Amino acid sequence: MTSPSADDPNDEIRAALQAAFDTPRDVVARPGMTRESVLRANDMAGHQVTVTEPGAPIYSSDGDLIGMAEPTTSTGTFAGLTITRAEADRLGLNEKEVPNVNIV
């Protein structure tokens, strides 16, 4: 097996695929949940929340997007949050600080 040369036709294909599927350089992965968001979820457990789900897309007979169905809004009780022990350790949280968060 030989290594690709400078004029390997697959190099152009590889470059195109990398350009199409690589994460843009200005997109930075978020570190996950923050301590504040877990504390906020802990405080919200058991309270009523309103959730709005977007409507389904509506397409023409040609397959073009022509609109969206109306969103659906419902009210329910926030049941809480589950995080891993590693996530809790990363955030410096324990069961006493967040009694309404399940740590597994």
C-alpha atoms as a PDB file:
ATOM      1  CA  MET A   1       0.000   0.000   0.000  1.00  0.00           C
ATOM      2  CA  THR A   2       1.403   3.376  -0.941  1.00  0.00           C
ATOM      3  CA  SER A   3       0.815   6.696   0.713  1.00  0.00           C
ATOM      4  CA  PRO A   4      -1.216   9.241  -1.275  1.00  0.00           C
ATOM      5  CA  SER A   5       0.823  11.468  -3.516  1.00  0.00           C
ATOM      6  CA  ALA A   6       0.404  15.182  -4.046  1.00  0.00           C
ATOM      7  CA  ASP A   7      -1.554  14.528  -7.243  1.00  0.00           C
ATOM      8  CA  ASP A   8      -3.810  11.796  -5.806  1.00  0.00           C
ATOM      9  CA  PRO A   9      -7.343  12.411  -7.181  1.00  0.00           C
ATOM     10  CA  ASN A  10      -8.820  11.282  -3.835  1.00  0.00           C
ATOM     11  CA  ASP A  11      -7.188  14.249  -2.077  1.00  0.00           C
ATOM     12  CA  GLU A  12      -9.701  16.554  -3.747  1.00  0.00           C
ATOM     13  CA  ILE A  13     -12.586  14.356  -2.634  1.00  0.00           C
ATOM     14  CA  ARG A  14     -11.219  14.176   0.914  1.00  0.00           C
ATOM     15  CA  ALA A  15     -10.897  17.968   1.035  1.00  0.00           C
ATOM     16  CA  ALA A  16     -14.494  18.402  -0.175  1.00  0.00           C
ATOM     17  CA  LEU A  17     -15.817  15.937   2.406  1.00  0.00           C
ATOM     18  CA  GLN A  18     -13.875  17.604   5.207  1.00  0.00           C
ATOM     19  CA  ALA A  19     -15.190  21.007   4.159  1.00  0.00           C
ATOM     20  CA  ALA A  20     -18.766  19.684   4.099  1.00  0.00           C
ATOM     21  CA  PHE A  21     -18.744  17.743   7.367  1.00  0.00           C
ATOM     22  CA  ASP A  22     -16.126  19.307   9.638  1.00  0.00           C
ATOM     23  CA  THR A  23     -17.279  21.464  12.525  1.00  0.00           C
ATOM     24  CA  PRO A  24     -16.774  25.120  11.597  1.00  0.00           C
ATOM     25  CA  ARG A  25     -13.860  26.695  13.429  1.00  0.00           C
ATOM     26  CA  ASP A  26     -16.097  29.363  15.005  1.00  0.00           C
ATOM     27  CA  VAL A  27     -18.354  26.726  16.606  1.00  0.00           C
ATOM     28  CA  VAL A  28     -17.137  25.817  20.073  1.00  0.00           C
ATOM     29  CA  ALA A  29     -18.577  22.852  21.938  1.00  0.00           C
ATOM     30  CA  ARG A  30     -20.264  23.829  25.189  1.00  0.00           C
ATOM     31  CA  PRO A  31     -19.038  22.166  28.358  1.00  0.00           C
ATOM     32  CA  GLY A  32     -22.470  20.821  29.277  1.00  0.00           C
ATOM     33  CA  MET A  33     -24.696  21.963  32.105  1.00  0.00           C
ATOM     34  CA  THR A  34     -23.496  24.707  34.377  1.00  0.00           C
ATOM     35  CA  ARG A  35     -23.721  24.753  38.146  1.00  0.00           C
ATOM     36  CA  GLU A  36     -26.332  27.522  37.919  1.00  0.00           C
ATOM     37  CA  SER A  37     -28.535  25.550  35.504  1.00  0.00           C
ATOM     38  CA  VAL A  38     -28.525  22.495  37.790  1.00  0.00           C
ATOM     39  CA  LEU A  39     -29.354  24.663  40.826  1.00  0.00           C
ATOM     40  CA  ARG A  40     -32.175  26.290  38.849  1.00  0.00           C
ATOM     41  CA  ALA A  41     -33.533  22.849  37.820  1.00  0.00           C
ATOM     42  CA  ASN A  42     -33.358  21.772  41.474  1.00  0.00           C
ATOM     43  CA  ASP A  43     -35.471  24.788  42.477  1.00  0.00           C
ATOM     44  CA  MET A  44     -37.994  24.194  39.652  1.00  0.00           C
ATOM     45  CA  ALA A  45     -38.725  20.549  40.558  1.00  0.00           C
ATOM     46  CA  GLY A  46     -42.387  20.098  41.442  1.00  0.00           C
ATOM     47  CA  HIS A  47     -43.460  23.448  39.954  1.00  0.00           C
ATOM     48  CA  GLN A  48     -45.782  23.962  37.015  1.00  0.00           C
ATOM     49  CA  VAL A  49     -44.126  24.728  33.687  1.00  0.00           C
ATOM     50  CA  THR A  50     -45.455  25.681  30.267  1.00  0.00           C
ATOM     51  CA  VAL A  51     -43.991  23.913  27.250  1.00  0.00           C
ATOM     52  CA  THR A  52     -44.496  25.033  23.659  1.00  0.00           C
ATOM     53  CA  GLU A  53     -43.752  22.522  20.899  1.00  0.00           C
ATOM     54  CA  PRO A  54     -43.330  23.875  17.383  1.00  0.00           C
ATOM     55  CA  GLY A  55     -45.800  22.764  14.742  1.00  0.00           C
ATOM     56  CA  ALA A  56     -44.957  20.295  12.017  1.00  0.00           C
ATOM     57  CA  PRO A  57     -43.697  21.588   8.665  1.00  0.00           C
ATOM     58  CA  ILE A  58     -46.209  21.764   5.806  1.00  0.00           C
ATOM     59  CA  TYR A  59     -44.942  20.900   2.331  1.00  0.00           C
ATOM     60  CA  SER A  60     -46.403  21.534  -1.107  1.00  0.00           C
ATOM     61  CA  SER A  61     -47.025  18.669  -3.547  1.00  0.00           C
ATOM     62  CA  ASP A  62     -43.595  19.506  -5.006  1.00  0.00           C
ATOM     63  CA  GLY A  63     -41.941  18.973  -1.634  1.00  0.00           C
ATOM     64  CA  ASP A  64     -41.273  22.663  -0.968  1.00  0.00           C
ATOM     65  CA  LEU A  65     -41.772  24.008   2.547  1.00  0.00           C
ATOM     66  CA  ILE A  66     -44.787  26.328   2.474  1.00  0.00           C
ATOM     67  CA  GLY A  67     -45.567  26.807   6.147  1.00  0.00           C
ATOM     68  CA  MET A  68     -45.716  25.449   9.650  1.00  0.00           C
ATOM     69  CA  ALA A  69     -48.657  24.070  11.620  1.00  0.00           C
ATOM     70  CA  GLU A  70     -49.644  25.905  14.775  1.00  0.00           C
ATOM     71  CA  PRO A  71     -47.525  25.179  17.841  1.00  0.00           C
ATOM     72  CA  THR A  72     -48.926  23.176  20.729  1.00  0.00           C
ATOM     73  CA  THR A  73     -48.693  24.615  24.237  1.00  0.00           C
ATOM     74  CA  SER A  74     -49.233  22.484  27.310  1.00  0.00           C
ATOM     75  CA  THR A  75     -48.792  22.825  31.051  1.00  0.00           C
ATOM     76  CA  GLY A  76     -47.270  20.201  33.289  1.00  0.00           C
ATOM     77  CA  THR A  77     -45.179  19.635  36.378  1.00  0.00           C
ATOM     78  CA  PHE A  78     -41.394  19.705  36.077  1.00  0.00           C
ATOM     79  CA  ALA A  79     -40.377  16.277  37.356  1.00  0.00           C
ATOM     80  CA  GLY A  80     -36.739  17.121  37.929  1.00  0.00           C
ATOM     81  CA  LEU A  81     -33.349  16.389  36.477  1.00  0.00           C
ATOM     82  CA  THR A  82     -30.983  13.418  36.424  1.00  0.00           C
ATOM     83  CA  ILE A  83     -27.217  13.864  36.107  1.00  0.00           C
ATOM     84  CA  THR A  84     -24.260  11.523  36.461  1.00  0.00           C
ATOM     85  CA  ARG A  85     -21.955  11.412  39.472  1.00  0.00           C
ATOM     86  CA  ALA A  86     -19.108  12.597  37.207  1.00  0.00           C
ATOM     87  CA  GLU A  87     -21.166  15.639  36.160  1.00  0.00           C
ATOM     88  CA  ALA A  88     -22.042  16.424  39.780  1.00  0.00           C
ATOM     89  CA  ASP A  89     -18.365  16.153  40.747  1.00  0.00           C
ATOM     90  CA  ARG A  90     -17.364  18.409  37.838  1.00  0.00           C
ATOM     91  CA  LEU A  91     -19.858  21.014  39.031  1.00  0.00           C
ATOM     92  CA  GLY A  92     -18.941  20.602  42.711  1.00  0.00           C
ATOM     93  CA  LEU A  93     -22.452  19.519  43.725  1.00  0.00           C
ATOM     94  CA  ASN A  94     -23.646  16.860  46.149  1.00  0.00           C
ATOM     95  CA  GLU A  95     -27.013  15.381  47.153  1.00  0.00           C
ATOM     96  CA  LYS A  96     -27.451  17.832  50.042  1.00  0.00           C
ATOM     97  CA  GLU A  97     -27.061  20.890  47.794  1.00  0.00           C
ATOM     98  CA  VAL A  98     -29.474  19.593  45.148  1.00  0.00           C
ATOM     99  CA  PRO A  99     -31.987  17.266  46.860  1.00  0.00           C
ATOM    100  CA  ASN A 100     -34.403  17.427  43.889  1.00  0.00           C
ATOM    101  CA  VAL A 101     -31.786  16.301  41.344  1.00  0.00           C
ATOM    102  CA  ASN A 102     -31.190  12.582  40.832  1.00  0.00           C
ATOM    103  CA  ILE A 103     -27.475  11.813  40.807  1.00  0.00           C
ATOM    104  CA  VAL A 104     -26.704   8.406  39.328  1.00  0.00           C
END
